[in-house]
Amino acid sequence: MIRYTFDHRSIPDLRIRGTISRDIRAPSIGEVFLKTLLLFDNIGNPFTGNVDFATILNTGNIDLKEESALTKTVGMVYSPEWLDNFQVSVDWYDIDIKDAIQSVSSQSIVDECFAGNAEFCGLVNFAPDNTVLEITNKLLNLGTFRVRGFDFEGRYMTEVGDNGTLSFKVLGSYVYAKDIAADGSNEVNFAGEVGTASGFGLPKWKIRGNISYDNGGLGLFSQIRYVGAGKYNIQWGPAELADAENNIAAEVYVDMSARYRFEEGSFEGMEIFGGVNNVFDNEPPVIPLDFIGPTATNAIHYDVVGRSFYFGVRAQF
C-alpha cells in the first residue's frame, strides 16, 4: 500500500484534508477454493439461435491474482471558534478497483465467447453441433468496481443545568455511483440497490443520528437509523418484478436506552442499564424468493430481529 495525505488549515475555523492511496487485496481462500456448485440454466445460444438447457458449474479459481485499487478522498472540517463543542465535516471519496474478482452470468460467458473472447470460450463445453452442454462459471480477474459518494458528520455538545450535558451527533453517507462491470466492459450503476444482487447492496442514503443526556450517574440515549429508498434489483424491469414491488420505501428505526451508575453507598460503582432496539417493531422488506437464493431480506441494512429488549448490571469487585 502506498498513501499520500495532506492536511491544511489556512482559515482558523476550516481544515482541508485529503488522501490518495494505492491498495491491493489478495484473493481469499474462499474465492480460490470455492466448492463447486452444480446448477442448471436455459442459455440463449448465439451460435445456433436455440435455447440450450446447460449444466452450470459455479466454482473458485486457483489462478486468481490480486485486485488493485486507487482511492481518493478530499474533505473539510468546520469548527467555528464562536461556537464551542460544535464540528461538522464532509468528505468526498472515489474508490476505483481494477482486476476485481467477479463472476459473470452464464449467459454473458457464452455471449462473450460468441464475440470472439477466447478466455470465455475456454469456459464453455460445446457439443459437435455447437449446442452448449456445460459452462464453468468461475471467479475471474476481469471486473471493475468503482464507488463514489460523500460521508458527513456533525456533532454538538452543550451543558444543561449544573451537571448535565446534552450531545447531538449525526453520521451519514450519500452514494451516487456504484459502477460495476463484472465482465470488464458492460458497466451498471448499482447505487440505490437494497437487495443482494450486487453483493451487500448499497442504498444511496444512510443516516444515523443520536441524542444523549448525561448527568452524574444517569445516562439517557436515543438513536434514529435511516435507510434510504431504493430498488431490490436495479436491473429488474416489469418482466421480472412489478415496479410497485421492486421500489422499496425508506426505513426508519428508533432505539432507546438508559443507564444509572451508583456513585455512593454500598452499591457504589455498580451500574444498571437497559434498552429497546427497533422500538416500533418495523419489519424488513422481504426479497422475492427463488429456488437458488433463499435469502429473505438484506440483513446488512435492515433489522431482522424486530423489537428487542435488553437489561444488564455491571459491577466491580
Protein backbone atom coordinates (compact mmCIF):
# COMPACT_ATOMS: atom_id res chain seq x y z
CA MET A 1 0.00 0.00 0.00
CA ILE A 2 1.21 3.50 -0.94
CA ARG A 3 -0.50 6.52 0.61
CA TYR A 4 -0.15 10.29 0.33
CA THR A 5 -2.07 12.64 2.62
CA PHE A 6 -2.42 16.37 3.07
CA ASP A 7 -3.90 18.39 5.90
CA HIS A 8 -4.11 22.16 5.61
CA ARG A 9 -5.63 24.91 7.76
CA SER A 10 -5.40 28.33 6.11
CA ILE A 11 -8.54 29.61 7.88
CA PRO A 12 -8.68 29.13 11.67
CA ASP A 13 -12.17 27.60 11.58
CA LEU A 14 -11.66 25.44 8.48
CA ARG A 15 -9.42 22.42 7.93
CA ILE A 16 -8.91 20.85 4.48
CA ARG A 17 -7.75 17.24 4.21
CA GLY A 18 -7.28 14.58 1.57
CA THR A 19 -5.75 11.21 0.77
CA ILE A 20 -4.56 9.34 -2.31
CA SER A 21 -3.61 5.70 -1.87
CA ARG A 22 -2.81 2.66 -3.96
CA ASP A 23 -4.06 -0.55 -2.35
CA ILE A 24 -4.11 -4.25 -3.18
CA ARG A 25 -6.17 -7.20 -1.97
CA ALA A 26 -5.16 -10.79 -2.39
CA PRO A 27 -7.90 -13.32 -3.23
CA SER A 28 -9.38 -15.02 -0.20
CA ILE A 29 -9.24 -18.74 0.45
CA GLY A 30 -12.94 -18.97 -0.29
CA GLU A 31 -12.54 -17.28 -3.67
CA VAL A 32 -9.64 -19.53 -4.66
CA PHE A 33 -11.01 -22.84 -3.36
CA LEU A 34 -14.77 -22.23 -3.59
CA LYS A 35 -16.54 -25.59 -3.61
CA THR A 36 -18.20 -26.38 -6.95
CA LEU A 37 -21.96 -25.84 -7.01
CA LEU A 38 -23.95 -27.73 -9.65
CA LEU A 39 -26.79 -25.77 -11.24
CA PHE A 40 -28.80 -25.78 -14.46
CA ASP A 41 -29.96 -22.91 -16.65
CA ASN A 42 -31.53 -22.12 -20.01
CA ILE A 43 -28.90 -20.43 -22.17
CA GLY A 44 -29.61 -18.47 -25.32
CA ASN A 45 -27.13 -19.87 -27.85
CA PRO A 46 -25.99 -17.16 -30.31
CA PHE A 47 -24.10 -19.78 -32.39
CA THR A 48 -27.25 -21.72 -33.28
CA GLY A 49 -30.12 -19.42 -32.34
CA ASN A 50 -31.51 -22.06 -30.00
CA VAL A 51 -32.06 -22.11 -26.24
CA ASP A 52 -29.97 -24.83 -24.61
CA PHE A 53 -30.55 -26.40 -21.21
CA ALA A 54 -26.99 -26.42 -19.87
CA THR A 55 -25.14 -27.61 -16.79
CA ILE A 56 -23.58 -24.77 -14.80
CA LEU A 57 -20.57 -25.32 -12.54
CA ASN A 58 -20.08 -22.40 -10.16
CA THR A 59 -16.59 -22.65 -8.71
CA GLY A 60 -13.48 -20.83 -7.45
CA ASN A 61 -10.27 -20.21 -9.34
CA ILE A 62 -6.74 -21.09 -8.20
CA ASP A 63 -5.30 -18.73 -10.84
CA LEU A 64 -6.76 -15.56 -9.35
CA LYS A 65 -4.40 -12.63 -8.79
CA GLU A 66 -4.54 -9.54 -6.59
CA GLU A 67 -7.07 -6.78 -7.00
CA SER A 68 -5.69 -3.23 -7.15
CA ALA A 69 -7.45 -0.03 -6.13
CA LEU A 70 -6.85 3.70 -6.36
CA THR A 71 -8.57 5.54 -3.52
CA LYS A 72 -9.01 9.33 -3.45
CA THR A 73 -10.63 11.40 -0.72
CA VAL A 74 -10.92 15.12 -0.12
CA GLY A 75 -12.90 16.89 2.56
CA MET A 76 -13.17 19.64 5.10
CA VAL A 77 -13.80 20.04 8.81
CA TYR A 78 -15.50 23.16 10.12
CA SER A 79 -15.11 24.02 13.84
CA PRO A 80 -16.16 27.64 14.45
CA GLU A 81 -14.43 29.44 17.29
CA TRP A 82 -17.64 31.28 18.16
CA LEU A 83 -19.48 28.02 18.94
CA ASP A 84 -17.79 25.69 21.39
CA ASN A 85 -18.14 21.92 21.05
CA PHE A 86 -19.54 22.08 17.51
CA GLN A 87 -17.97 20.39 14.49
CA VAL A 88 -19.16 19.38 11.03
CA SER A 89 -17.23 17.52 8.35
CA VAL A 90 -17.84 16.47 4.74
CA ASP A 91 -15.62 14.11 2.74
CA TRP A 92 -15.84 13.03 -0.89
CA TYR A 93 -14.40 9.66 -1.85
CA ASP A 94 -13.65 7.75 -5.03
CA ILE A 95 -12.63 4.07 -4.77
CA ASP A 96 -11.67 2.58 -8.13
CA ILE A 97 -10.86 -1.15 -8.22
CA LYS A 98 -9.24 -2.87 -11.21
CA ASP A 99 -8.89 -6.61 -11.83
CA ALA A 100 -11.80 -7.05 -9.44
CA ILE A 101 -12.61 -10.63 -8.57
CA GLN A 102 -16.06 -11.18 -10.03
CA SER A 103 -18.27 -13.81 -11.57
CA VAL A 104 -20.41 -13.02 -14.60
CA SER A 105 -23.66 -14.62 -15.65
CA SER A 106 -23.50 -17.86 -17.57
CA GLN A 107 -25.29 -16.17 -20.45
CA SER A 108 -22.61 -13.47 -20.54
CA ILE A 109 -19.90 -16.12 -20.78
CA VAL A 110 -21.50 -17.59 -23.90
CA ASP A 111 -22.13 -14.14 -25.40
CA GLU A 112 -18.51 -13.10 -24.85
CA CYS A 113 -17.32 -16.31 -26.45
CA PHE A 114 -19.52 -15.60 -29.48
CA ALA A 115 -17.96 -12.12 -29.64
CA GLY A 116 -14.53 -13.74 -30.04
CA ASN A 117 -13.18 -13.59 -26.47
CA ALA A 118 -11.05 -16.74 -26.21
CA GLU A 119 -10.82 -16.53 -22.41
CA PHE A 120 -14.57 -17.09 -22.16
CA CYS A 121 -14.67 -19.79 -24.83
CA GLY A 122 -12.39 -21.86 -22.59
CA LEU A 123 -15.21 -21.92 -20.02
CA VAL A 124 -17.84 -23.41 -22.37
CA ASN A 125 -18.15 -27.06 -23.37
CA PHE A 126 -19.86 -27.39 -26.76
CA ALA A 127 -21.30 -30.43 -28.50
CA PRO A 128 -20.19 -31.05 -32.11
CA ASP A 129 -23.28 -29.19 -33.35
CA ASN A 130 -22.38 -26.15 -31.12
CA THR A 131 -25.04 -26.94 -28.53
CA VAL A 132 -23.97 -25.58 -25.14
CA LEU A 133 -23.56 -28.54 -22.82
CA GLU A 134 -21.70 -27.15 -19.81
CA ILE A 135 -20.42 -23.79 -18.53
CA THR A 136 -17.74 -23.43 -15.88
CA ASN A 137 -18.70 -20.18 -14.18
CA LYS A 138 -15.65 -19.43 -12.07
CA LEU A 139 -14.42 -16.25 -10.43
CA LEU A 140 -12.19 -14.15 -12.69
CA ASN A 141 -9.95 -11.06 -12.51
CA LEU A 142 -11.81 -9.17 -15.18
CA GLY A 143 -14.16 -6.82 -13.38
CA THR A 144 -14.07 -3.14 -12.49
CA PHE A 145 -15.69 -1.73 -9.37
CA ARG A 146 -15.93 1.97 -8.61
CA VAL A 147 -17.78 3.63 -5.74
CA ARG A 148 -18.17 7.39 -5.32
CA GLY A 149 -20.02 9.39 -2.72
CA PHE A 150 -19.94 11.65 0.32
CA ASP A 151 -19.59 10.98 4.04
CA PHE A 152 -20.66 13.61 6.54
CA GLU A 153 -20.67 14.04 10.28
CA GLY A 154 -21.94 16.67 12.66
CA ARG A 155 -21.76 16.85 16.44
CA TYR A 156 -22.58 19.31 19.16
CA MET A 157 -22.48 19.21 22.97
CA THR A 158 -23.91 21.72 25.43
CA GLU A 159 -24.28 21.94 29.19
CA VAL A 160 -27.72 21.56 30.75
CA GLY A 161 -28.27 22.68 34.33
CA ASP A 162 -25.48 22.33 36.87
CA ASN A 163 -24.02 18.92 35.96
CA GLY A 164 -25.81 17.74 32.85
CA THR A 165 -24.61 17.58 29.26
CA LEU A 166 -26.69 17.16 26.12
CA SER A 167 -24.99 15.76 23.00
CA PHE A 168 -26.15 15.53 19.40
CA LYS A 169 -24.44 13.53 16.67
CA VAL A 170 -25.27 12.75 13.04
CA LEU A 171 -23.37 10.36 10.75
CA GLY A 172 -24.41 9.82 7.17
CA SER A 173 -23.39 8.82 3.69
CA TYR A 174 -24.66 9.52 0.19
CA VAL A 175 -23.54 7.20 -2.61
CA TYR A 176 -24.23 8.49 -6.10
CA ALA A 177 -22.28 5.85 -8.05
CA LYS A 178 -21.57 2.17 -7.55
CA ASP A 179 -20.37 1.26 -11.02
CA ILE A 180 -19.73 -2.43 -11.54
CA ALA A 181 -18.61 -4.09 -14.76
CA ALA A 182 -18.33 -7.75 -13.83
CA ASP A 183 -17.12 -8.59 -17.34
CA GLY A 184 -14.83 -5.56 -17.54
CA SER A 185 -16.89 -3.72 -20.16
CA ASN A 186 -20.66 -3.61 -19.53
CA GLU A 187 -20.93 -1.18 -16.61
CA VAL A 188 -24.03 -0.83 -14.44
CA ASN A 189 -24.60 1.74 -11.68
CA PHE A 190 -25.95 -0.22 -8.69
CA ALA A 191 -26.21 2.77 -6.32
CA GLY A 192 -29.59 2.65 -4.65
CA GLU A 193 -29.96 -1.13 -4.79
CA VAL A 194 -31.12 -2.51 -1.44
CA GLY A 195 -31.24 -6.19 -2.40
CA THR A 196 -28.28 -8.53 -2.70
CA ALA A 197 -27.82 -8.88 -6.48
CA SER A 198 -24.64 -6.77 -6.42
CA GLY A 199 -23.26 -8.12 -3.18
CA PHE A 200 -24.35 -6.39 0.01
CA GLY A 201 -26.48 -3.75 -1.68
CA LEU A 202 -25.88 -0.05 -1.18
CA PRO A 203 -28.71 2.44 -0.56
CA LYS A 204 -27.94 5.95 -1.78
CA TRP A 205 -28.71 7.39 1.66
CA LYS A 206 -27.88 6.01 5.11
CA ILE A 207 -28.07 8.26 8.16
CA ARG A 208 -27.63 7.62 11.86
CA GLY A 209 -28.44 10.30 14.43
CA ASN A 210 -28.45 10.19 18.20
CA ILE A 211 -29.15 12.31 21.25
CA SER A 212 -27.64 11.57 24.65
CA TYR A 213 -28.06 13.13 28.07
CA ASP A 214 -25.63 12.59 30.95
CA ASN A 215 -25.96 13.89 34.47
CA GLY A 216 -23.73 12.25 37.05
CA GLY A 217 -24.62 8.58 37.11
CA LEU A 218 -27.70 8.97 34.90
CA GLY A 219 -27.45 8.49 31.15
CA LEU A 220 -30.21 8.54 28.52
CA PHE A 221 -29.70 7.69 24.87
CA SER A 222 -31.91 7.70 21.77
CA GLN A 223 -30.93 6.83 18.22
CA ILE A 224 -32.56 7.02 14.80
CA ARG A 225 -31.33 4.83 11.92
CA TYR A 226 -32.42 5.77 8.41
CA VAL A 227 -32.08 3.55 5.33
CA GLY A 228 -32.98 5.36 2.13
CA ALA A 229 -35.42 4.19 -0.51
CA GLY A 230 -34.16 2.03 -3.34
CA LYS A 231 -34.78 -0.98 -5.56
CA TYR A 232 -34.43 -4.66 -4.79
CA ASN A 233 -32.63 -5.13 -8.08
CA ILE A 234 -31.53 -2.24 -10.31
CA GLN A 235 -31.57 -4.47 -13.39
CA TRP A 236 -35.06 -5.85 -12.93
CA GLY A 237 -37.86 -4.48 -15.05
CA PRO A 238 -41.61 -5.19 -15.03
CA ALA A 239 -40.97 -8.59 -16.66
CA GLU A 240 -39.06 -9.75 -13.57
CA LEU A 241 -40.91 -7.85 -10.84
CA ALA A 242 -43.61 -5.19 -10.85
CA ASP A 243 -42.31 -1.68 -10.18
CA ALA A 244 -44.55 -1.37 -7.12
CA GLU A 245 -42.76 -4.35 -5.56
CA ASN A 246 -39.27 -3.56 -6.84
CA ASN A 247 -39.37 0.01 -5.43
CA ILE A 248 -38.65 -0.18 -1.70
CA ALA A 249 -39.59 2.68 0.61
CA ALA A 250 -37.20 4.23 3.11
CA GLU A 251 -37.00 2.64 6.54
CA VAL A 252 -36.53 4.33 9.92
CA TYR A 253 -35.58 2.56 13.15
CA VAL A 254 -35.65 4.04 16.65
CA ASP A 255 -33.54 2.69 19.53
CA MET A 256 -33.61 3.88 23.15
CA SER A 257 -31.57 3.05 26.24
CA ALA A 258 -30.84 4.26 29.75
CA ARG A 259 -28.27 3.60 32.47
CA TYR A 260 -27.74 4.53 36.07
CA ARG A 261 -24.47 4.24 37.99
CA PHE A 262 -24.45 4.33 41.78
CA GLU A 263 -21.82 6.82 42.90
CA GLU A 264 -22.01 6.31 46.65
CA GLY A 265 -23.27 3.92 49.28
CA SER A 266 -22.94 0.14 49.41
CA PHE A 267 -23.65 -0.16 45.66
CA GLU A 268 -21.01 2.37 44.64
CA GLY A 269 -19.57 1.57 41.22
CA MET A 270 -22.50 -0.65 40.23
CA GLU A 271 -24.37 0.27 37.05
CA ILE A 272 -27.72 -0.93 35.78
CA PHE A 273 -28.70 -0.47 32.15
CA GLY A 274 -31.40 -1.43 29.69
CA GLY A 275 -32.87 -0.51 26.37
CA VAL A 276 -35.13 -1.24 23.43
CA ASN A 277 -33.97 -1.73 19.85
CA ASN A 278 -36.39 -1.13 16.97
CA VAL A 279 -38.95 0.47 19.28
CA PHE A 280 -41.77 0.45 16.69
CA ASP A 281 -41.10 -3.16 15.62
CA ASN A 282 -40.59 -2.32 11.95
CA GLU A 283 -40.47 -5.37 9.70
CA PRO A 284 -37.82 -5.64 6.96
CA PRO A 285 -38.85 -5.66 3.30
CA VAL A 286 -38.99 -9.23 2.03
CA ILE A 287 -36.98 -10.10 -1.08
CA PRO A 288 -38.77 -12.36 -3.58
CA LEU A 289 -37.51 -15.92 -3.22
CA ASP A 290 -36.29 -18.39 -5.80
CA PHE A 291 -35.11 -21.97 -5.51
CA ILE A 292 -31.43 -20.94 -5.68
CA GLY A 293 -31.29 -17.97 -3.31
CA PRO A 294 -33.34 -18.44 -0.13
CA THR A 295 -32.37 -15.04 1.31
CA ALA A 296 -35.44 -13.42 2.88
CA THR A 297 -34.09 -9.89 3.21
CA ASN A 298 -30.87 -7.89 3.21
CA ALA A 299 -29.71 -8.25 6.80
CA ILE A 300 -26.81 -5.85 6.21
CA HIS A 301 -29.15 -2.86 6.10
CA TYR A 302 -32.43 -3.98 7.70
CA ASP A 303 -33.33 -5.15 11.19
CA VAL A 304 -34.20 -8.86 11.03
CA VAL A 305 -34.95 -9.34 14.75
CA GLY A 306 -37.77 -6.87 15.37
CA ARG A 307 -38.38 -5.12 18.67
CA SER A 308 -35.98 -6.44 21.29
CA PHE A 309 -35.24 -5.62 24.91
CA TYR A 310 -32.10 -5.98 26.96
CA PHE A 311 -31.15 -5.39 30.57
CA GLY A 312 -27.93 -5.79 32.49
CA VAL A 313 -25.85 -4.99 35.54
CA ARG A 314 -22.19 -4.03 35.67
CA ALA A 315 -20.22 -4.23 38.89
CA GLN A 316 -16.64 -4.02 40.05
CA PHE A 317 -15.25 -6.15 42.86
